[in-house]
Protein backbone atom coordinates (compact mmCIF):
# COMPACT_ATOMS: atom_id res chain seq x y z
CA MET A 1 144.58 25.64 152.49
CA THR A 2 145.33 28.54 150.21
CA ALA A 3 146.16 31.87 151.83
CA ILE A 4 145.27 35.27 150.39
CA GLN A 5 148.13 37.01 148.61
CA PRO A 6 148.33 40.26 146.64
CA GLY A 7 146.42 39.74 143.38
CA SER A 8 144.39 36.79 144.71
CA PHE A 9 140.93 36.19 143.31
CA LEU A 10 138.52 35.79 146.24
CA THR A 11 135.06 34.56 147.02
CA LEU A 12 133.92 35.85 150.38
CA HIS A 13 131.10 37.15 152.49
CA TYR A 14 131.70 40.52 154.10
CA ARG A 15 130.01 43.22 156.08
CA LEU A 16 131.22 46.80 156.24
CA ALA A 17 129.70 48.87 159.03
CA GLY A 18 130.06 52.54 159.87
CA PRO A 19 130.63 54.04 163.31
CA ASP A 20 126.97 53.58 164.27
CA GLY A 21 127.24 49.83 163.60
CA ALA A 22 124.81 49.95 160.67
CA ALA A 23 125.86 47.86 157.69
CA VAL A 24 126.83 49.81 154.59
CA VAL A 25 127.44 46.60 152.65
CA ASN A 26 126.44 43.12 153.79
CA THR A 27 126.72 40.02 151.61
CA PHE A 28 126.08 37.50 154.41
CA ASP A 29 122.36 37.37 153.65
CA ASP A 30 122.82 37.00 149.90
CA LYS A 31 125.35 35.73 147.39
CA PRO A 32 129.01 35.99 148.33
CA ALA A 33 131.18 38.59 146.62
CA THR A 34 133.88 37.70 144.14
CA LEU A 35 136.75 40.10 143.60
CA SER A 36 140.43 40.43 142.86
CA LEU A 37 142.77 42.08 145.34
CA GLY A 38 144.52 45.15 144.02
CA THR A 39 141.80 46.26 141.61
CA GLY A 40 140.26 48.89 143.89
CA GLU A 41 137.14 46.94 144.77
CA LEU A 42 138.06 47.18 148.45
CA ALA A 43 139.89 49.95 150.27
CA PRO A 44 143.67 49.28 150.46
CA ALA A 45 143.56 49.19 154.27
CA VAL A 46 140.90 46.46 154.13
CA GLU A 47 142.86 44.51 151.51
CA ALA A 48 145.98 44.69 153.68
CA ARG A 49 144.13 42.97 156.53
CA LEU A 50 142.99 40.17 154.23
CA ILE A 51 146.55 39.24 153.19
CA GLY A 52 147.53 35.96 154.82
CA LEU A 53 144.02 34.80 155.70
CA ALA A 54 143.27 31.24 154.64
CA GLU A 55 140.17 29.77 153.04
CA GLY A 56 137.52 29.32 155.71
CA ALA A 57 138.84 32.13 157.91
CA ARG A 58 136.34 34.33 159.73
CA GLU A 59 137.71 37.62 161.03
CA SER A 60 136.60 41.06 162.17
CA PHE A 61 138.70 44.20 161.83
CA GLU A 62 138.27 47.63 163.33
CA LEU A 63 139.75 50.36 161.15
CA GLN A 64 140.48 53.71 162.76
CA ALA A 65 138.89 56.98 161.61
CA GLY A 66 140.14 57.80 158.13
CA GLU A 67 142.09 54.56 157.72
CA ALA A 68 139.71 52.85 155.30
CA PHE A 69 138.39 55.78 153.24
CA GLY A 70 140.78 58.59 154.06
CA LEU A 71 140.23 61.76 156.00
CA ARG A 72 137.54 64.24 155.02
CA ASN A 73 138.90 66.72 152.50
CA PRO A 74 137.33 70.19 152.70
CA ASP A 75 138.38 70.78 149.06
CA LEU A 76 135.83 68.13 148.06
CA LEU A 77 132.98 70.40 149.15
CA GLN A 78 132.08 72.28 145.98
CA ARG A 79 129.33 74.60 144.82
CA VAL A 80 127.74 73.76 141.49
CA LYS A 81 125.47 76.17 139.63
CA LEU A 82 121.93 74.88 139.08
CA ALA A 83 122.17 76.08 135.48
CA LEU A 84 125.03 73.64 134.88
CA LEU A 85 123.13 70.76 136.49
CA HIS A 86 120.09 71.52 134.35
CA GLU A 87 122.28 71.74 131.26
CA LEU A 88 123.95 68.38 131.94
CA GLY A 89 120.89 66.57 133.23
CA ASP A 90 117.15 66.99 133.68
CA PRO A 91 116.22 70.69 133.41
CA ASP A 92 113.21 70.08 135.66
CA ALA A 93 115.07 68.22 138.40
CA ARG A 94 114.62 69.40 141.97
CA TYR A 95 117.27 68.80 144.61
CA ALA A 96 117.17 68.53 148.39
CA VAL A 97 119.76 68.15 151.14
CA GLY A 98 120.84 64.51 151.32
CA ASP A 99 120.20 63.73 147.64
CA VAL A 100 122.94 61.76 145.93
CA VAL A 101 123.67 62.98 142.41
CA GLN A 102 125.77 61.12 139.85
CA PHE A 103 128.24 63.11 137.75
CA PRO A 104 129.97 61.77 134.63
CA THR A 105 133.74 61.65 134.55
CA PRO A 106 135.34 63.89 131.92
CA ASP A 107 135.75 60.94 129.54
CA GLY A 108 132.11 59.90 130.05
CA ARG A 109 133.05 56.28 130.77
CA ALA A 110 132.26 56.29 134.48
CA SER A 111 130.60 58.39 137.12
CA TYR A 112 131.12 59.64 140.64
CA ALA A 113 128.65 60.74 143.27
CA GLY A 114 128.15 63.87 145.31
CA VAL A 115 125.80 64.41 148.22
CA VAL A 116 123.81 67.65 148.38
CA ARG A 117 124.76 69.43 151.64
CA GLU A 118 123.19 72.87 151.03
CA VAL A 119 120.71 74.33 148.57
CA GLY A 120 121.22 77.97 147.57
CA PRO A 121 119.12 80.22 145.34
CA ASP A 122 121.03 79.24 142.18
CA TRP A 123 123.59 76.70 143.41
CA LEU A 124 124.01 73.44 145.34
CA LEU A 125 126.85 72.59 147.70
CA PHE A 126 128.04 69.05 147.02
CA ASP A 127 130.19 66.84 149.21
CA PHE A 128 132.33 64.57 147.05
CA ASN A 129 134.04 62.88 150.02
CA HIS A 130 133.36 59.19 150.48
CA PRO A 131 130.45 58.91 152.96
CA LEU A 132 132.73 57.05 155.40
CA ALA A 133 135.74 59.38 154.99
CA GLY A 134 137.09 60.29 158.41
CA GLN A 135 134.97 57.62 160.09
CA PRO A 136 135.99 54.42 161.87
CA VAL A 137 134.62 51.26 160.24
CA ARG A 138 134.26 47.60 161.08
CA PHE A 139 134.90 44.90 158.48
CA ASP A 140 133.67 41.34 159.10
CA VAL A 141 134.73 38.68 156.60
CA HIS A 142 134.28 34.99 155.89
CA VAL A 143 136.78 33.81 153.25
CA ILE A 144 135.12 31.12 151.13
CA GLY A 145 137.65 30.60 148.35
CA VAL A 146 141.05 31.85 147.22
CA LEU A 147 142.58 31.45 143.77
């Protein structure tokens, strides 16, 4: 059987759950995922635990708070003027706490998300931390194929 190595191309089922046990991602009820290790599709700490697993392996890993998605960074809480949001997007958009808003990267080729944490009179406070930053997670995996 082939074992997972850095750079391996994988087919697998996986479930990523937050501290409350609720699945954030779960491929077990659908098509398996295909990905290459080292391309950023999985957190480095998760990838490290996959190294050495063989085809057919079924494992579960508990990752400590902050290990998978880093610690919460207070610098990633940022106020954004509503005028700027209206200029860049829909001028009639309304925002509420908990909304997820996509922002383009400076080169316009990708995007990143921020969660609205507070709504002010002419600004919104966004949290650009990963939703699981600073949280323990559980990763369950079934390795189907390794190339």
